[in-house]
Amino acid sequence: MTTALIRAEIGLRSVAARALRAVRDERGEVNIVATVLLIVLAVALIVLFQGQIKGWLSTMFEKINSGIGSVG
């Protein structure tokens, strides 16, 4: 039992050390910033065009449902 706990602790420390290295590594910083900006832009566009998106999706599902009804 004690051996399993020691192995678990060593594993957790290893994972924590790798996570800290990944956070401190500055080589990927530009990619992270670009990804965050793209996500913010996508959310802003969704909020801005929410009404049009809902209308478009509603129309598309109506067409799909009417097509299914005519096939069956």
N, C-alpha and C. Protein backbone atom coordinates (compact mmCIF):
# COMPACT_ATOMS: atom_id res chain seq x y z
N MET A 1 0.82 -1.19 0.00
CA MET A 1 0.00 0.00 0.00
C MET A 1 0.87 1.26 0.00
N THR A 2 1.90 1.26 0.83
CA THR A 2 2.78 2.41 0.91
C THR A 2 3.51 2.63 -0.40
N THR A 3 3.90 1.56 -1.06
CA THR A 3 4.59 1.67 -2.34
C THR A 3 3.68 2.31 -3.38
N ALA A 4 2.42 1.96 -3.38
CA ALA A 4 1.47 2.54 -4.32
C ALA A 4 1.31 4.03 -4.07
N LEU A 5 1.26 4.42 -2.81
CA LEU A 5 1.14 5.85 -2.48
C LEU A 5 2.38 6.62 -2.91
N ILE A 6 3.54 6.03 -2.71
CA ILE A 6 4.78 6.69 -3.12
C ILE A 6 4.81 6.83 -4.64
N ARG A 7 4.42 5.80 -5.36
CA ARG A 7 4.38 5.88 -6.83
C ARG A 7 3.38 6.93 -7.30
N ALA A 8 2.23 7.00 -6.64
CA ALA A 8 1.23 8.00 -7.00
C ALA A 8 1.77 9.40 -6.76
N GLU A 9 2.46 9.60 -5.65
CA GLU A 9 3.02 10.92 -5.35
C GLU A 9 4.08 11.30 -6.37
N ILE A 10 4.94 10.35 -6.73
CA ILE A 10 5.97 10.62 -7.73
C ILE A 10 5.32 10.96 -9.07
N GLY A 11 4.27 10.23 -9.42
CA GLY A 11 3.56 10.50 -10.67
C GLY A 11 2.93 11.88 -10.68
N LEU A 12 2.31 12.25 -9.57
CA LEU A 12 1.68 13.57 -9.48
C LEU A 12 2.72 14.68 -9.55
N ARG A 13 3.86 14.47 -8.89
CA ARG A 13 4.92 15.49 -8.95
C ARG A 13 5.45 15.62 -10.38
N SER A 14 5.56 14.51 -11.08
CA SER A 14 6.03 14.54 -12.46
C SER A 14 5.06 15.30 -13.35
N VAL A 15 3.78 15.03 -13.18
CA VAL A 15 2.76 15.73 -13.97
C VAL A 15 2.77 17.22 -13.64
N ALA A 16 2.89 17.55 -12.36
CA ALA A 16 2.92 18.95 -11.95
C ALA A 16 4.14 19.66 -12.52
N ALA A 17 5.29 18.99 -12.51
CA ALA A 17 6.51 19.59 -13.06
C ALA A 17 6.37 19.84 -14.55
N ARG A 18 5.78 18.88 -15.27
CA ARG A 18 5.57 19.07 -16.72
C ARG A 18 4.60 20.21 -16.99
N ALA A 19 3.56 20.32 -16.17
CA ALA A 19 2.59 21.40 -16.35
C ALA A 19 3.24 22.75 -16.10
N LEU A 20 4.07 22.85 -15.08
CA LEU A 20 4.77 24.11 -14.80
C LEU A 20 5.72 24.48 -15.93
N ARG A 21 6.43 23.49 -16.47
CA ARG A 21 7.32 23.77 -17.60
C ARG A 21 6.53 24.26 -18.80
N ALA A 22 5.38 23.68 -19.04
CA ALA A 22 4.56 24.10 -20.18
C ALA A 22 4.05 25.51 -20.00
N VAL A 23 3.69 25.86 -18.77
CA VAL A 23 3.19 27.21 -18.50
C VAL A 23 4.31 28.23 -18.61
N ARG A 24 5.49 27.87 -18.14
CA ARG A 24 6.63 28.81 -18.15
C ARG A 24 7.30 28.91 -19.51
N ASP A 25 7.07 27.95 -20.38
CA ASP A 25 7.69 27.95 -21.70
C ASP A 25 7.10 29.08 -22.52
N GLU A 26 7.92 30.00 -22.96
CA GLU A 26 7.44 31.19 -23.67
C GLU A 26 7.43 31.00 -25.18
N ARG A 27 7.92 29.88 -25.67
CA ARG A 27 7.95 29.69 -27.12
C ARG A 27 6.55 29.64 -27.72
N GLY A 28 5.59 29.10 -27.00
CA GLY A 28 4.24 28.97 -27.52
C GLY A 28 3.33 30.11 -27.13
N GLU A 29 3.89 31.14 -26.53
CA GLU A 29 3.07 32.24 -26.03
C GLU A 29 2.30 32.94 -27.14
N VAL A 30 2.92 33.16 -28.27
CA VAL A 30 2.26 33.84 -29.38
C VAL A 30 1.08 33.01 -29.86
N ASN A 31 1.25 31.70 -29.93
CA ASN A 31 0.16 30.84 -30.37
C ASN A 31 -1.01 30.88 -29.39
N ILE A 32 -0.71 30.94 -28.11
CA ILE A 32 -1.77 31.00 -27.10
C ILE A 32 -2.54 32.30 -27.24
N VAL A 33 -1.82 33.41 -27.40
CA VAL A 33 -2.47 34.71 -27.55
C VAL A 33 -3.33 34.72 -28.81
N ALA A 34 -2.82 34.20 -29.90
CA ALA A 34 -3.58 34.16 -31.15
C ALA A 34 -4.83 33.30 -31.00
N THR A 35 -4.71 32.17 -30.32
CA THR A 35 -5.85 31.29 -30.11
C THR A 35 -6.91 31.97 -29.27
N VAL A 36 -6.49 32.64 -28.20
CA VAL A 36 -7.44 33.34 -27.34
C VAL A 36 -8.14 34.45 -28.12
N LEU A 37 -7.39 35.19 -28.93
CA LEU A 37 -8.01 36.25 -29.73
C LEU A 37 -9.01 35.69 -30.73
N LEU A 38 -8.70 34.57 -31.34
CA LEU A 38 -9.65 33.95 -32.28
C LEU A 38 -10.91 33.49 -31.57
N ILE A 39 -10.77 32.95 -30.37
CA ILE A 39 -11.95 32.52 -29.61
C ILE A 39 -12.80 33.72 -29.25
N VAL A 40 -12.16 34.81 -28.80
CA VAL A 40 -12.89 36.03 -28.44
C VAL A 40 -13.61 36.58 -29.67
N LEU A 41 -12.95 36.58 -30.82
CA LEU A 41 -13.56 37.06 -32.05
C LEU A 41 -14.76 36.20 -32.44
N ALA A 42 -14.62 34.89 -32.34
CA ALA A 42 -15.72 33.99 -32.69
C ALA A 42 -16.92 34.22 -31.77
N VAL A 43 -16.68 34.36 -30.48
CA VAL A 43 -17.78 34.60 -29.53
C VAL A 43 -18.44 35.94 -29.82
N ALA A 44 -17.63 36.97 -30.12
CA ALA A 44 -18.20 38.28 -30.42
C ALA A 44 -19.07 38.23 -31.67
N LEU A 45 -18.62 37.52 -32.70
CA LEU A 45 -19.41 37.40 -33.92
C LEU A 45 -20.71 36.63 -33.68
N ILE A 46 -20.64 35.60 -32.85
CA ILE A 46 -21.85 34.84 -32.54
C ILE A 46 -22.85 35.71 -31.80
N VAL A 47 -22.36 36.50 -30.84
CA VAL A 47 -23.25 37.38 -30.08
C VAL A 47 -23.82 38.46 -31.00
N LEU A 48 -22.99 39.01 -31.87
CA LEU A 48 -23.42 40.09 -32.76
C LEU A 48 -24.47 39.62 -33.76
N PHE A 49 -24.29 38.43 -34.31
CA PHE A 49 -25.19 37.92 -35.34
C PHE A 49 -26.10 36.82 -34.82
N GLN A 50 -26.41 36.84 -33.54
CA GLN A 50 -27.20 35.79 -32.91
C GLN A 50 -28.57 35.64 -33.58
N GLY A 51 -29.24 36.73 -33.86
CA GLY A 51 -30.56 36.68 -34.48
C GLY A 51 -30.53 36.05 -35.87
N GLN A 52 -29.56 36.47 -36.68
CA GLN A 52 -29.45 35.92 -38.02
C GLN A 52 -29.09 34.44 -37.99
N ILE A 53 -28.23 34.05 -37.06
CA ILE A 53 -27.84 32.64 -36.95
C ILE A 53 -29.04 31.79 -36.56
N LYS A 54 -29.84 32.27 -35.60
CA LYS A 54 -31.04 31.53 -35.18
C LYS A 54 -32.01 31.39 -36.34
N GLY A 55 -32.21 32.47 -37.09
CA GLY A 55 -33.11 32.41 -38.24
C GLY A 55 -32.62 31.45 -39.30
N TRP A 56 -31.34 31.48 -39.58
CA TRP A 56 -30.76 30.59 -40.58
C TRP A 56 -30.90 29.14 -40.16
N LEU A 57 -30.57 28.85 -38.89
CA LEU A 57 -30.70 27.47 -38.40
C LEU A 57 -32.15 27.01 -38.42
N SER A 58 -33.06 27.89 -38.05
CA SER A 58 -34.48 27.54 -38.06
C SER A 58 -34.93 27.19 -39.48
N THR A 59 -34.54 28.00 -40.44
CA THR A 59 -34.89 27.75 -41.84
C THR A 59 -34.30 26.42 -42.32
N MET A 60 -33.05 26.18 -41.97
CA MET A 60 -32.40 24.95 -42.41
C MET A 60 -33.09 23.72 -41.82
N PHE A 61 -33.44 23.76 -40.53
CA PHE A 61 -34.10 22.61 -39.92
C PHE A 61 -35.52 22.43 -40.46
N GLU A 62 -36.21 23.52 -40.81
CA GLU A 62 -37.52 23.39 -41.42
C GLU A 62 -37.41 22.70 -42.78
N LYS A 63 -36.40 23.07 -43.56
CA LYS A 63 -36.19 22.43 -44.86
C LYS A 63 -35.85 20.95 -44.70
N ILE A 64 -35.02 20.65 -43.71
CA ILE A 64 -34.65 19.25 -43.46
C ILE A 64 -35.88 18.46 -43.05
N ASN A 65 -36.67 19.01 -42.13
CA ASN A 65 -37.86 18.31 -41.66
C ASN A 65 -38.89 18.12 -42.77
N SER A 66 -39.07 19.13 -43.62
CA SER A 66 -40.03 18.98 -44.72
C SER A 66 -39.52 17.96 -45.73
N GLY A 67 -38.21 17.89 -45.93
CA GLY A 67 -37.63 16.89 -46.83
C GLY A 67 -37.81 15.49 -46.29
N ILE A 68 -37.66 15.34 -44.98
CA ILE A 68 -37.85 14.03 -44.35
C ILE A 68 -39.31 13.60 -44.47
N GLY A 69 -40.23 14.54 -44.30
CA GLY A 69 -41.66 14.22 -44.40
C GLY A 69 -42.05 13.77 -45.80
N SER A 70 -41.45 14.37 -46.83
CA SER A 70 -41.81 14.00 -48.19
C SER A 70 -41.17 12.67 -48.61
N VAL A 71 -40.07 12.30 -48.00
CA VAL A 71 -39.41 11.04 -48.33
C VAL A 71 -40.18 9.87 -47.73
N GLY A 72 -40.62 10.03 -46.46
CA GLY A 72 -41.29 8.94 -45.74
C GLY A 72 -42.67 8.74 -46.23
